[in-house]
Amino acid sequence: MQNQNQAFTLIELLIVVALIGVIVGIAIVQLAGYTAGSYDARAKSDLRNAANAEEAYFVQSSEYVACANVAQCETRLPQFSASSGTNMAISLLGTTGFVGTASNDRGTNGLVYTWNSVQGGMQ
């Protein structure tokens, strides 16, 4: 009687390990895209919140405020608090409105959101 061993060969195991490596590599690339998208959403949300704080400030004081960075925006707009990594600036359009821009350090490179209060919001 002949002894029959049933087992995987080394080649079969290497092929399976290689396939798992390819699948993991694809998953990591996709995950990086989702992560950048979440930071972009933070910047967009922060800009919308800053615009709401600007409008609330305008109702109380009949003027808008400008700010060159997040720290100034948080100081000048007491109702506003930004997420970490958000870059923001708000400039005035005379006395009738403002334009705000926001991005996130960990978001998509070069993606900047703009809010124009005169033209109706997010651009």
C-alpha atoms as a PDB file:
ATOM      1  CA  MET A   1       0.000   0.000   0.000  1.00  0.00           C
ATOM      2  CA  GLN A   2       1.310   3.418  -0.975  1.00  0.00           C
ATOM      3  CA  ASN A   3       1.315   6.300   1.494  1.00  0.00           C
ATOM      4  CA  GLN A   4      -0.488   9.344   0.021  1.00  0.00           C
ATOM      5  CA  ASN A   5       0.153  12.656   1.739  1.00  0.00           C
ATOM      6  CA  GLN A   6      -2.283  15.382   0.900  1.00  0.00           C
ATOM      7  CA  ALA A   7      -0.770  18.785   1.538  1.00  0.00           C
ATOM      8  CA  PHE A   8      -0.185  22.091  -0.165  1.00  0.00           C
ATOM      9  CA  THR A   9       3.039  22.538  -2.061  1.00  0.00           C
ATOM     10  CA  LEU A  10       5.367  25.425  -1.380  1.00  0.00           C
ATOM     11  CA  ILE A  11       4.445  27.026  -4.728  1.00  0.00           C
ATOM     12  CA  GLU A  12       0.734  26.951  -3.886  1.00  0.00           C
ATOM     13  CA  LEU A  13       1.371  28.594  -0.526  1.00  0.00           C
ATOM     14  CA  LEU A  14       3.547  31.300  -2.123  1.00  0.00           C
ATOM     15  CA  ILE A  15       0.828  32.075  -4.669  1.00  0.00           C
ATOM     16  CA  VAL A  16      -1.776  32.460  -1.916  1.00  0.00           C
ATOM     17  CA  VAL A  17       0.518  34.735   0.107  1.00  0.00           C
ATOM     18  CA  ALA A  18       1.215  36.858  -3.003  1.00  0.00           C
ATOM     19  CA  LEU A  19      -2.512  37.218  -3.733  1.00  0.00           C
ATOM     20  CA  ILE A  20      -3.204  38.266  -0.159  1.00  0.00           C
ATOM     21  CA  GLY A  21      -0.412  40.850  -0.462  1.00  0.00           C
ATOM     22  CA  VAL A  22      -1.950  42.314  -3.625  1.00  0.00           C
ATOM     23  CA  ILE A  23      -5.387  42.543  -2.007  1.00  0.00           C
ATOM     24  CA  VAL A  24      -3.961  44.231   1.100  1.00  0.00           C
ATOM     25  CA  GLY A  25      -2.039  46.694  -1.092  1.00  0.00           C
ATOM     26  CA  ILE A  26      -5.207  47.693  -2.929  1.00  0.00           C
ATOM     27  CA  ALA A  27      -7.103  48.074   0.347  1.00  0.00           C
ATOM     28  CA  ILE A  28      -4.437  50.365   1.816  1.00  0.00           C
ATOM     29  CA  VAL A  29      -4.553  52.678  -1.218  1.00  0.00           C
ATOM     30  CA  GLN A  30      -8.352  52.881  -0.978  1.00  0.00           C
ATOM     31  CA  LEU A  31      -8.181  53.571   2.757  1.00  0.00           C
ATOM     32  CA  ALA A  32      -5.802  56.493   2.188  1.00  0.00           C
ATOM     33  CA  GLY A  33      -8.314  58.037  -0.219  1.00  0.00           C
ATOM     34  CA  TYR A  34     -11.141  57.688   2.283  1.00  0.00           C
ATOM     35  CA  THR A  35      -9.015  59.227   5.018  1.00  0.00           C
ATOM     36  CA  ALA A  36      -8.138  62.281   2.900  1.00  0.00           C
ATOM     37  CA  GLY A  37     -11.813  62.660   2.025  1.00  0.00           C
ATOM     38  CA  SER A  38     -12.771  62.742   5.697  1.00  0.00           C
ATOM     39  CA  TYR A  39     -10.284  65.552   6.369  1.00  0.00           C
ATOM     40  CA  ASP A  40     -11.680  67.451   3.370  1.00  0.00           C
ATOM     41  CA  ALA A  41     -15.160  67.078   4.870  1.00  0.00           C
ATOM     42  CA  ARG A  42     -13.851  68.528   8.141  1.00  0.00           C
ATOM     43  CA  ALA A  43     -12.544  71.608   6.335  1.00  0.00           C
ATOM     44  CA  LYS A  44     -15.843  72.049   4.492  1.00  0.00           C
ATOM     45  CA  SER A  45     -17.813  71.698   7.721  1.00  0.00           C
ATOM     46  CA  ASP A  46     -15.522  74.150   9.531  1.00  0.00           C
ATOM     47  CA  LEU A  47     -16.010  76.697   6.757  1.00  0.00           C
ATOM     48  CA  ARG A  48     -19.788  76.327   6.940  1.00  0.00           C
ATOM     49  CA  ASN A  49     -19.660  76.737  10.742  1.00  0.00           C
ATOM     50  CA  ALA A  50     -17.463  79.832  10.428  1.00  0.00           C
ATOM     51  CA  ALA A  51     -19.933  81.325   7.942  1.00  0.00           C
ATOM     52  CA  ASN A  52     -22.778  80.714  10.398  1.00  0.00           C
ATOM     53  CA  ALA A  53     -20.724  82.344  13.166  1.00  0.00           C
ATOM     54  CA  GLU A  54     -20.052  85.334  10.866  1.00  0.00           C
ATOM     55  CA  GLU A  55     -23.762  85.767  10.222  1.00  0.00           C
ATOM     56  CA  ALA A  56     -24.541  85.504  13.945  1.00  0.00           C
ATOM     57  CA  TYR A  57     -21.854  88.113  14.649  1.00  0.00           C
ATOM     58  CA  PHE A  58     -23.338  90.369  11.955  1.00  0.00           C
ATOM     59  CA  VAL A  59     -26.798  90.144  13.534  1.00  0.00           C
ATOM     60  CA  GLN A  60     -25.366  91.314  16.869  1.00  0.00           C
ATOM     61  CA  SER A  61     -22.926  93.985  15.688  1.00  0.00           C
ATOM     62  CA  SER A  62     -23.996  94.943  12.118  1.00  0.00           C
ATOM     63  CA  GLU A  63     -20.540  94.165  10.738  1.00  0.00           C
ATOM     64  CA  TYR A  64     -18.505  91.195   9.535  1.00  0.00           C
ATOM     65  CA  VAL A  65     -15.014  90.389  10.789  1.00  0.00           C
ATOM     66  CA  ALA A  66     -11.942  89.335   8.831  1.00  0.00           C
ATOM     67  CA  CYS A  67      -9.377  86.829  10.046  1.00  0.00           C
ATOM     68  CA  ALA A  68      -6.124  85.626   8.503  1.00  0.00           C
ATOM     69  CA  ASN A  69      -5.927  82.231  10.201  1.00  0.00           C
ATOM     70  CA  VAL A  70      -7.863  79.791  12.367  1.00  0.00           C
ATOM     71  CA  ALA A  71      -6.617  81.264  15.652  1.00  0.00           C
ATOM     72  CA  GLN A  72      -7.877  84.726  14.691  1.00  0.00           C
ATOM     73  CA  CYS A  73     -11.195  83.308  13.494  1.00  0.00           C
ATOM     74  CA  GLU A  74     -11.712  81.456  16.777  1.00  0.00           C
ATOM     75  CA  THR A  75     -10.870  84.627  18.741  1.00  0.00           C
ATOM     76  CA  ARG A  76     -12.975  87.033  16.697  1.00  0.00           C
ATOM     77  CA  LEU A  77     -15.926  84.674  16.243  1.00  0.00           C
ATOM     78  CA  PRO A  78     -16.718  83.387  19.736  1.00  0.00           C
ATOM     79  CA  GLN A  79     -19.230  80.810  18.470  1.00  0.00           C
ATOM     80  CA  PHE A  80     -16.666  79.167  16.177  1.00  0.00           C
ATOM     81  CA  SER A  81     -14.192  76.362  16.855  1.00  0.00           C
ATOM     82  CA  ALA A  82     -12.214  74.643  14.080  1.00  0.00           C
ATOM     83  CA  SER A  83     -11.057  71.043  13.745  1.00  0.00           C
ATOM     84  CA  SER A  84      -7.362  70.283  14.076  1.00  0.00           C
ATOM     85  CA  GLY A  85      -5.405  70.726  10.861  1.00  0.00           C
ATOM     86  CA  THR A  86      -7.878  73.150   9.306  1.00  0.00           C
ATOM     87  CA  ASN A  87      -6.456  76.235   7.588  1.00  0.00           C
ATOM     88  CA  MET A  88      -8.857  79.121   7.174  1.00  0.00           C
ATOM     89  CA  ALA A  89      -9.016  82.777   6.237  1.00  0.00           C
ATOM     90  CA  ILE A  90     -11.949  85.158   5.917  1.00  0.00           C
ATOM     91  CA  SER A  91     -11.772  88.433   4.011  1.00  0.00           C
ATOM     92  CA  LEU A  92     -14.411  91.131   3.743  1.00  0.00           C
ATOM     93  CA  LEU A  93     -16.333  92.161   0.646  1.00  0.00           C
ATOM     94  CA  GLY A  94     -16.836  95.758   1.674  1.00  0.00           C
ATOM     95  CA  THR A  95     -19.581  95.959   4.289  1.00  0.00           C
ATOM     96  CA  THR A  96     -22.001  93.642   2.512  1.00  0.00           C
ATOM     97  CA  GLY A  97     -20.382  90.253   2.858  1.00  0.00           C
ATOM     98  CA  PHE A  98     -17.320  88.080   3.192  1.00  0.00           C
ATOM     99  CA  VAL A  99     -15.353  85.337   1.458  1.00  0.00           C
ATOM    100  CA  GLY A 100     -13.916  82.470   3.464  1.00  0.00           C
ATOM    101  CA  THR A 101     -11.509  79.761   2.360  1.00  0.00           C
ATOM    102  CA  ALA A 102     -10.656  76.519   4.144  1.00  0.00           C
ATOM    103  CA  SER A 103      -8.515  73.437   3.626  1.00  0.00           C
ATOM    104  CA  ASN A 104      -7.061  70.721   5.821  1.00  0.00           C
ATOM    105  CA  ASP A 105      -3.377  69.807   6.100  1.00  0.00           C
ATOM    106  CA  ARG A 106      -4.169  66.094   5.861  1.00  0.00           C
ATOM    107  CA  GLY A 107      -6.821  66.393   3.141  1.00  0.00           C
ATOM    108  CA  THR A 108      -6.530  66.225  -0.633  1.00  0.00           C
ATOM    109  CA  ASN A 109      -3.563  68.301  -1.852  1.00  0.00           C
ATOM    110  CA  GLY A 110      -4.634  71.583  -3.359  1.00  0.00           C
ATOM    111  CA  LEU A 111      -8.320  71.259  -2.433  1.00  0.00           C
ATOM    112  CA  VAL A 112      -9.574  74.564  -1.012  1.00  0.00           C
ATOM    113  CA  TYR A 113     -13.220  75.235  -0.235  1.00  0.00           C
ATOM    114  CA  THR A 114     -14.611  78.736  -0.725  1.00  0.00           C
ATOM    115  CA  TRP A 115     -17.648  80.351   0.871  1.00  0.00           C
ATOM    116  CA  ASN A 116     -18.953  83.592  -0.649  1.00  0.00           C
ATOM    117  CA  SER A 117     -21.771  85.149   1.355  1.00  0.00           C
ATOM    118  CA  VAL A 118     -22.753  87.498  -1.483  1.00  0.00           C
ATOM    119  CA  GLN A 119     -23.031  84.694  -4.056  1.00  0.00           C
ATOM    120  CA  GLY A 120     -25.023  82.443  -1.768  1.00  0.00           C
ATOM    121  CA  GLY A 121     -22.648  80.191   0.122  1.00  0.00           C
ATOM    122  CA  MET A 122     -20.314  77.342  -0.805  1.00  0.00           C
ATOM    123  CA  GLN A 123     -18.720  77.781  -4.216  1.00  0.00           C
END
